[in-house]
Amino acid sequence: MDSGDVTQLLVDYSNGKREALDVLTPLVYGELRNLAARYLRRERSDHTLQSTALVHEAYLRLIDQNQVRWQNRAHFFGVAAQMIRRILVDHARTKHAQKRGGNAQKLSLDEAIGLPEQRDLDIIALDDALKLLAELDAQQSKVIELRFFGGLSIEETAEALGISPATVKREWVTARAWLLRQLSRTEV
């Protein structure tokens, strides 16, 4: 997928050209589906949310954004990362509430961010930790969200945030360490 084509189609769609959506849909839908499948592979095997349902919900929310002026492909997938995070957290909270305090949705953060140890972590705790991190350092929180939930590369994250790839790398390492420390405290 050529990011320039996607960017132009997003701009056209933002400017009211509804026919751009017909061309844009197959281009971004496949990548959103891959993103959702990649993310859900990190979930436990009995997770009840399927990648197709996740991508459909995220896509419907994305194209329903009337107030967004899409800047480029990275901006679109950055917003997609936020949508996917919200959908997964809402799903986890609903399941958790249904079980009245039972086990929440689990995911392997260490595996997702490339650390050698494997540790189960519930997505609600991750969301709470990311909210706390956002209060302390909004940029680090955004880097984690885009890389972890959005599946963006370092370069795509840099483009989406308007910062250098070196800054993304630095923020990624720092935020990842902070999150692991924070989440290990909540496990005790």
C-alpha atoms as a PDB file:
ATOM      1  CA  MET A   1       0.000   0.000   0.000  1.00  0.00           C
ATOM      2  CA  ASP A   2       1.444   3.354  -1.026  1.00  0.00           C
ATOM      3  CA  SER A   3       1.181   5.749   1.910  1.00  0.00           C
ATOM      4  CA  GLY A   4       0.889   8.722  -0.474  1.00  0.00           C
ATOM      5  CA  ASP A   5      -2.195   7.204  -2.105  1.00  0.00           C
ATOM      6  CA  VAL A   6      -3.765   6.505   1.274  1.00  0.00           C
ATOM      7  CA  THR A   7      -2.943  10.007   2.480  1.00  0.00           C
ATOM      8  CA  GLN A   8      -4.536  11.598  -0.595  1.00  0.00           C
ATOM      9  CA  LEU A   9      -7.657   9.431  -0.253  1.00  0.00           C
ATOM     10  CA  LEU A  10      -7.955  10.345   3.446  1.00  0.00           C
ATOM     11  CA  VAL A  11      -7.633  14.043   2.612  1.00  0.00           C
ATOM     12  CA  ASP A  12     -10.218  13.673  -0.160  1.00  0.00           C
ATOM     13  CA  TYR A  13     -12.584  11.859   2.213  1.00  0.00           C
ATOM     14  CA  SER A  14     -12.072  14.576   4.850  1.00  0.00           C
ATOM     15  CA  ASN A  15     -12.933  17.164   2.209  1.00  0.00           C
ATOM     16  CA  GLY A  16     -16.283  15.498   1.589  1.00  0.00           C
ATOM     17  CA  LYS A  17     -15.468  13.314  -1.404  1.00  0.00           C
ATOM     18  CA  ARG A  18     -17.438  10.215  -0.388  1.00  0.00           C
ATOM     19  CA  GLU A  19     -16.270   8.246  -3.436  1.00  0.00           C
ATOM     20  CA  ALA A  20     -12.749   8.274  -1.935  1.00  0.00           C
ATOM     21  CA  LEU A  21     -14.066   5.927   0.737  1.00  0.00           C
ATOM     22  CA  ASP A  22     -14.807   3.271  -1.904  1.00  0.00           C
ATOM     23  CA  VAL A  23     -11.162   3.257  -2.976  1.00  0.00           C
ATOM     24  CA  LEU A  24      -9.786   3.732   0.549  1.00  0.00           C
ATOM     25  CA  THR A  25     -11.732   0.904   2.183  1.00  0.00           C
ATOM     26  CA  PRO A  26      -9.913  -2.067   0.606  1.00  0.00           C
ATOM     27  CA  LEU A  27      -6.548  -0.382   1.146  1.00  0.00           C
ATOM     28  CA  VAL A  28      -6.907   0.254   4.882  1.00  0.00           C
ATOM     29  CA  TYR A  29      -9.273  -2.596   5.741  1.00  0.00           C
ATOM     30  CA  GLY A  30      -6.670  -5.248   4.982  1.00  0.00           C
ATOM     31  CA  GLU A  31      -4.057  -3.491   7.092  1.00  0.00           C
ATOM     32  CA  LEU A  32      -6.546  -2.996   9.942  1.00  0.00           C
ATOM     33  CA  ARG A  33      -7.418  -6.684   9.770  1.00  0.00           C
ATOM     34  CA  ASN A  34      -3.740  -7.645   9.939  1.00  0.00           C
ATOM     35  CA  LEU A  35      -3.281  -5.272  12.863  1.00  0.00           C
ATOM     36  CA  ALA A  36      -6.240  -6.757  14.749  1.00  0.00           C
ATOM     37  CA  ALA A  37      -5.118 -10.325  14.040  1.00  0.00           C
ATOM     38  CA  ARG A  38      -1.563  -9.531  15.138  1.00  0.00           C
ATOM     39  CA  TYR A  39      -2.810  -7.973  18.359  1.00  0.00           C
ATOM     40  CA  LEU A  40      -5.288 -10.752  19.164  1.00  0.00           C
ATOM     41  CA  ARG A  41      -2.561 -13.384  18.704  1.00  0.00           C
ATOM     42  CA  ARG A  42      -1.116 -11.950  21.914  1.00  0.00           C
ATOM     43  CA  GLU A  43      -4.366 -12.594  23.759  1.00  0.00           C
ATOM     44  CA  ARG A  44      -5.167 -15.804  25.566  1.00  0.00           C
ATOM     45  CA  SER A  45      -6.491 -18.638  23.410  1.00  0.00           C
ATOM     46  CA  ASP A  46     -10.059 -18.512  24.742  1.00  0.00           C
ATOM     47  CA  HIS A  47     -10.492 -14.777  24.065  1.00  0.00           C
ATOM     48  CA  THR A  48     -14.054 -14.226  22.867  1.00  0.00           C
ATOM     49  CA  LEU A  49     -13.435 -11.218  20.607  1.00  0.00           C
ATOM     50  CA  GLN A  50     -12.459 -12.222  17.070  1.00  0.00           C
ATOM     51  CA  SER A  51     -10.213 -10.144  14.836  1.00  0.00           C
ATOM     52  CA  THR A  52     -12.994  -9.683  12.266  1.00  0.00           C
ATOM     53  CA  ALA A  53     -15.328  -8.222  14.886  1.00  0.00           C
ATOM     54  CA  LEU A  54     -12.538  -6.026  16.256  1.00  0.00           C
ATOM     55  CA  VAL A  55     -11.602  -4.630  12.852  1.00  0.00           C
ATOM     56  CA  HIS A  56     -15.243  -4.080  11.846  1.00  0.00           C
ATOM     57  CA  GLU A  57     -15.950  -2.146  15.035  1.00  0.00           C
ATOM     58  CA  ALA A  58     -12.752  -0.089  14.707  1.00  0.00           C
ATOM     59  CA  TYR A  59     -13.387   0.611  11.018  1.00  0.00           C
ATOM     60  CA  LEU A  60     -16.975   1.694  11.617  1.00  0.00           C
ATOM     61  CA  ARG A  61     -15.838   4.073  14.339  1.00  0.00           C
ATOM     62  CA  LEU A  62     -13.059   5.436  12.125  1.00  0.00           C
ATOM     63  CA  ILE A  63     -15.198   6.240   9.090  1.00  0.00           C
ATOM     64  CA  ASP A  64     -17.825   7.758  11.359  1.00  0.00           C
ATOM     65  CA  GLN A  65     -15.354  10.445  12.469  1.00  0.00           C
ATOM     66  CA  ASN A  66     -16.877  13.580  10.947  1.00  0.00           C
ATOM     67  CA  GLN A  67     -14.762  16.112  12.838  1.00  0.00           C
ATOM     68  CA  VAL A  68     -11.374  14.579  12.023  1.00  0.00           C
ATOM     69  CA  ARG A  69      -9.253  16.167   9.320  1.00  0.00           C
ATOM     70  CA  TRP A  70      -7.110  13.214   8.285  1.00  0.00           C
ATOM     71  CA  GLN A  71      -3.532  14.375   7.812  1.00  0.00           C
ATOM     72  CA  ASN A  72      -1.914  11.201   6.504  1.00  0.00           C
ATOM     73  CA  ARG A  73      -1.767   7.426   6.754  1.00  0.00           C
ATOM     74  CA  ALA A  74       0.106   7.501  10.082  1.00  0.00           C
ATOM     75  CA  HIS A  75      -2.536   9.798  11.577  1.00  0.00           C
ATOM     76  CA  PHE A  76      -5.285   7.413  10.458  1.00  0.00           C
ATOM     77  CA  PHE A  77      -3.569   4.367  11.943  1.00  0.00           C
ATOM     78  CA  GLY A  78      -2.740   6.330  15.102  1.00  0.00           C
ATOM     79  CA  VAL A  79      -6.441   6.994  15.609  1.00  0.00           C
ATOM     80  CA  ALA A  80      -7.095   3.338  14.729  1.00  0.00           C
ATOM     81  CA  ALA A  81      -4.756   2.331  17.564  1.00  0.00           C
ATOM     82  CA  GLN A  82      -6.813   4.416  19.988  1.00  0.00           C
ATOM     83  CA  MET A  83     -10.023   2.826  18.720  1.00  0.00           C
ATOM     84  CA  ILE A  84      -8.652  -0.698  19.031  1.00  0.00           C
ATOM     85  CA  ARG A  85      -7.438   0.015  22.559  1.00  0.00           C
ATOM     86  CA  ARG A  86     -10.830   1.384  23.586  1.00  0.00           C
ATOM     87  CA  ILE A  87     -12.682  -1.560  22.051  1.00  0.00           C
ATOM     88  CA  LEU A  88     -10.434  -4.113  23.757  1.00  0.00           C
ATOM     89  CA  VAL A  89     -10.599  -2.368  27.125  1.00  0.00           C
ATOM     90  CA  ASP A  90     -14.396  -2.002  26.889  1.00  0.00           C
ATOM     91  CA  HIS A  91     -14.644  -5.693  25.990  1.00  0.00           C
ATOM     92  CA  ALA A  92     -12.418  -6.648  28.932  1.00  0.00           C
ATOM     93  CA  ARG A  93     -14.370  -4.450  31.356  1.00  0.00           C
ATOM     94  CA  THR A  94     -17.672  -5.948  30.169  1.00  0.00           C
ATOM     95  CA  LYS A  95     -16.377  -9.496  30.569  1.00  0.00           C
ATOM     96  CA  HIS A  96     -14.883  -8.621  33.941  1.00  0.00           C
ATOM     97  CA  ALA A  97     -18.159  -7.109  35.130  1.00  0.00           C
ATOM     98  CA  GLN A  98     -20.095 -10.154  33.935  1.00  0.00           C
ATOM     99  CA  LYS A  99     -17.866 -12.401  35.977  1.00  0.00           C
ATOM    100  CA  ARG A 100     -18.261 -10.103  39.014  1.00  0.00           C
ATOM    101  CA  GLY A 101     -14.615  -9.859  39.854  1.00  0.00           C
ATOM    102  CA  GLY A 102     -13.385 -12.933  37.989  1.00  0.00           C
ATOM    103  CA  ASN A 103     -10.237 -13.046  35.909  1.00  0.00           C
ATOM    104  CA  ALA A 104      -9.928 -10.173  33.465  1.00  0.00           C
ATOM    105  CA  GLN A 105      -8.693 -10.416  29.885  1.00  0.00           C
ATOM    106  CA  LYS A 106      -5.021 -11.384  29.781  1.00  0.00           C
ATOM    107  CA  LEU A 107      -2.333 -10.461  27.314  1.00  0.00           C
ATOM    108  CA  SER A 108       1.389 -10.901  27.226  1.00  0.00           C
ATOM    109  CA  LEU A 109       2.943  -7.444  27.367  1.00  0.00           C
ATOM    110  CA  ASP A 110       6.481  -8.812  27.526  1.00  0.00           C
ATOM    111  CA  GLU A 111       5.971 -10.806  24.347  1.00  0.00           C
ATOM    112  CA  ALA A 112       4.377  -7.839  22.618  1.00  0.00           C
ATOM    113  CA  ILE A 113       7.230  -5.485  23.405  1.00  0.00           C
ATOM    114  CA  GLY A 114       9.971  -8.035  22.855  1.00  0.00           C
ATOM    115  CA  LEU A 115      11.201  -8.766  26.365  1.00  0.00           C
ATOM    116  CA  PRO A 116      12.553 -12.214  27.156  1.00  0.00           C
ATOM    117  CA  GLU A 117      10.345 -12.998  30.168  1.00  0.00           C
ATOM    118  CA  GLN A 118       6.713 -13.853  29.703  1.00  0.00           C
ATOM    119  CA  ARG A 119       4.229 -12.485  32.160  1.00  0.00           C
ATOM    120  CA  ASP A 120       0.432 -12.385  31.987  1.00  0.00           C
ATOM    121  CA  LEU A 121      -1.124  -8.993  32.496  1.00  0.00           C
ATOM    122  CA  ASP A 122      -4.732  -7.953  32.345  1.00  0.00           C
ATOM    123  CA  ILE A 123      -5.672  -5.360  29.776  1.00  0.00           C
ATOM    124  CA  ILE A 124      -7.625  -3.309  32.321  1.00  0.00           C
ATOM    125  CA  ALA A 125      -4.461  -2.921  34.431  1.00  0.00           C
ATOM    126  CA  LEU A 126      -2.558  -1.954  31.275  1.00  0.00           C
ATOM    127  CA  ASP A 127      -5.188   0.657  30.410  1.00  0.00           C
ATOM    128  CA  ASP A 128      -5.078   2.071  33.953  1.00  0.00           C
ATOM    129  CA  ALA A 129      -1.274   2.210  33.813  1.00  0.00           C
ATOM    130  CA  LEU A 130      -1.370   3.959  30.425  1.00  0.00           C
ATOM    131  CA  LYS A 131      -3.770   6.568  31.813  1.00  0.00           C
ATOM    132  CA  LEU A 132      -1.377   7.204  34.701  1.00  0.00           C
ATOM    133  CA  LEU A 133       1.564   7.398  32.292  1.00  0.00           C
ATOM    134  CA  ALA A 134      -0.393   9.899  30.158  1.00  0.00           C
ATOM    135  CA  GLU A 135      -0.701  12.148  33.211  1.00  0.00           C
ATOM    136  CA  LEU A 136       3.049  11.933  33.799  1.00  0.00           C
ATOM    137  CA  ASP A 137       4.216  11.987  30.185  1.00  0.00           C
ATOM    138  CA  ALA A 138       1.607  12.185  27.427  1.00  0.00           C
ATOM    139  CA  GLN A 139       4.136  11.591  24.651  1.00  0.00           C
ATOM    140  CA  GLN A 140       5.430   8.340  26.178  1.00  0.00           C
ATOM    141  CA  SER A 141       1.867   7.109  26.632  1.00  0.00           C
ATOM    142  CA  LYS A 142       1.098   7.910  23.005  1.00  0.00           C
ATOM    143  CA  VAL A 143       4.234   6.080  21.822  1.00  0.00           C
ATOM    144  CA  ILE A 144       3.170   2.937  23.712  1.00  0.00           C
ATOM    145  CA  GLU A 145      -0.372   3.204  22.377  1.00  0.00           C
ATOM    146  CA  LEU A 146       0.714   3.623  18.764  1.00  0.00           C
ATOM    147  CA  ARG A 147       3.377   0.909  18.860  1.00  0.00           C
ATOM    148  CA  PHE A 148       1.539  -1.640  21.033  1.00  0.00           C
ATOM    149  CA  PHE A 149      -2.114  -1.169  20.107  1.00  0.00           C
ATOM    150  CA  GLY A 150      -1.572   0.362  16.681  1.00  0.00           C
ATOM    151  CA  GLY A 151       1.280  -1.846  15.567  1.00  0.00           C
ATOM    152  CA  LEU A 152       3.058   1.147  14.042  1.00  0.00           C
ATOM    153  CA  SER A 153       6.776   1.014  13.362  1.00  0.00           C
ATOM    154  CA  ILE A 154       9.178   3.463  14.956  1.00  0.00           C
ATOM    155  CA  GLU A 155       9.185   5.535  11.766  1.00  0.00           C
ATOM    156  CA  GLU A 156       5.373   5.535  11.476  1.00  0.00           C
ATOM    157  CA  THR A 157       5.056   6.489  15.141  1.00  0.00           C
ATOM    158  CA  ALA A 158       7.515   9.336  14.619  1.00  0.00           C
ATOM    159  CA  GLU A 159       5.502  10.553  11.636  1.00  0.00           C
ATOM    160  CA  ALA A 160       2.203  10.326  13.521  1.00  0.00           C
ATOM    161  CA  LEU A 161       3.570  12.288  16.494  1.00  0.00           C
ATOM    162  CA  GLY A 162       5.733  14.717  14.527  1.00  0.00           C
ATOM    163  CA  ILE A 163       8.927  13.707  16.362  1.00  0.00           C
ATOM    164  CA  SER A 164      12.155  12.030  15.306  1.00  0.00           C
ATOM    165  CA  PRO A 165      12.584   8.246  15.178  1.00  0.00           C
ATOM    166  CA  ALA A 166      15.391   8.587  17.747  1.00  0.00           C
ATOM    167  CA  THR A 167      12.970  10.264  20.146  1.00  0.00           C
ATOM    168  CA  VAL A 168      10.430   7.490  19.576  1.00  0.00           C
ATOM    169  CA  LYS A 169      13.076   4.859  20.375  1.00  0.00           C
ATOM    170  CA  ARG A 170      14.094   6.678  23.545  1.00  0.00           C
ATOM    171  CA  GLU A 171      10.490   7.202  24.667  1.00  0.00           C
ATOM    172  CA  TRP A 172       9.610   3.573  23.830  1.00  0.00           C
ATOM    173  CA  VAL A 173      12.426   2.192  26.011  1.00  0.00           C
ATOM    174  CA  THR A 174      11.682   4.541  28.907  1.00  0.00           C
ATOM    175  CA  ALA A 175       7.905   4.075  28.808  1.00  0.00           C
ATOM    176  CA  ARG A 176       8.199   0.313  28.460  1.00  0.00           C
ATOM    177  CA  ALA A 177      10.434   0.126  31.548  1.00  0.00           C
ATOM    178  CA  TRP A 178       8.074   2.386  33.509  1.00  0.00           C
ATOM    179  CA  LEU A 179       5.044   0.295  32.499  1.00  0.00           C
ATOM    180  CA  LEU A 180       6.671  -2.976  33.478  1.00  0.00           C
ATOM    181  CA  ARG A 181       7.619  -1.528  36.882  1.00  0.00           C
ATOM    182  CA  GLN A 182       4.125  -0.112  37.366  1.00  0.00           C
ATOM    183  CA  LEU A 183       2.376  -3.307  36.319  1.00  0.00           C
ATOM    184  CA  SER A 184       4.590  -5.516  38.476  1.00  0.00           C
ATOM    185  CA  ARG A 185       3.482  -3.432  41.478  1.00  0.00           C
ATOM    186  CA  THR A 186      -0.190  -4.130  40.709  1.00  0.00           C
ATOM    187  CA  GLU A 187       0.415  -7.883  40.473  1.00  0.00           C
ATOM    188  CA  VAL A 188       1.424  -8.139  44.129  1.00  0.00           C
END
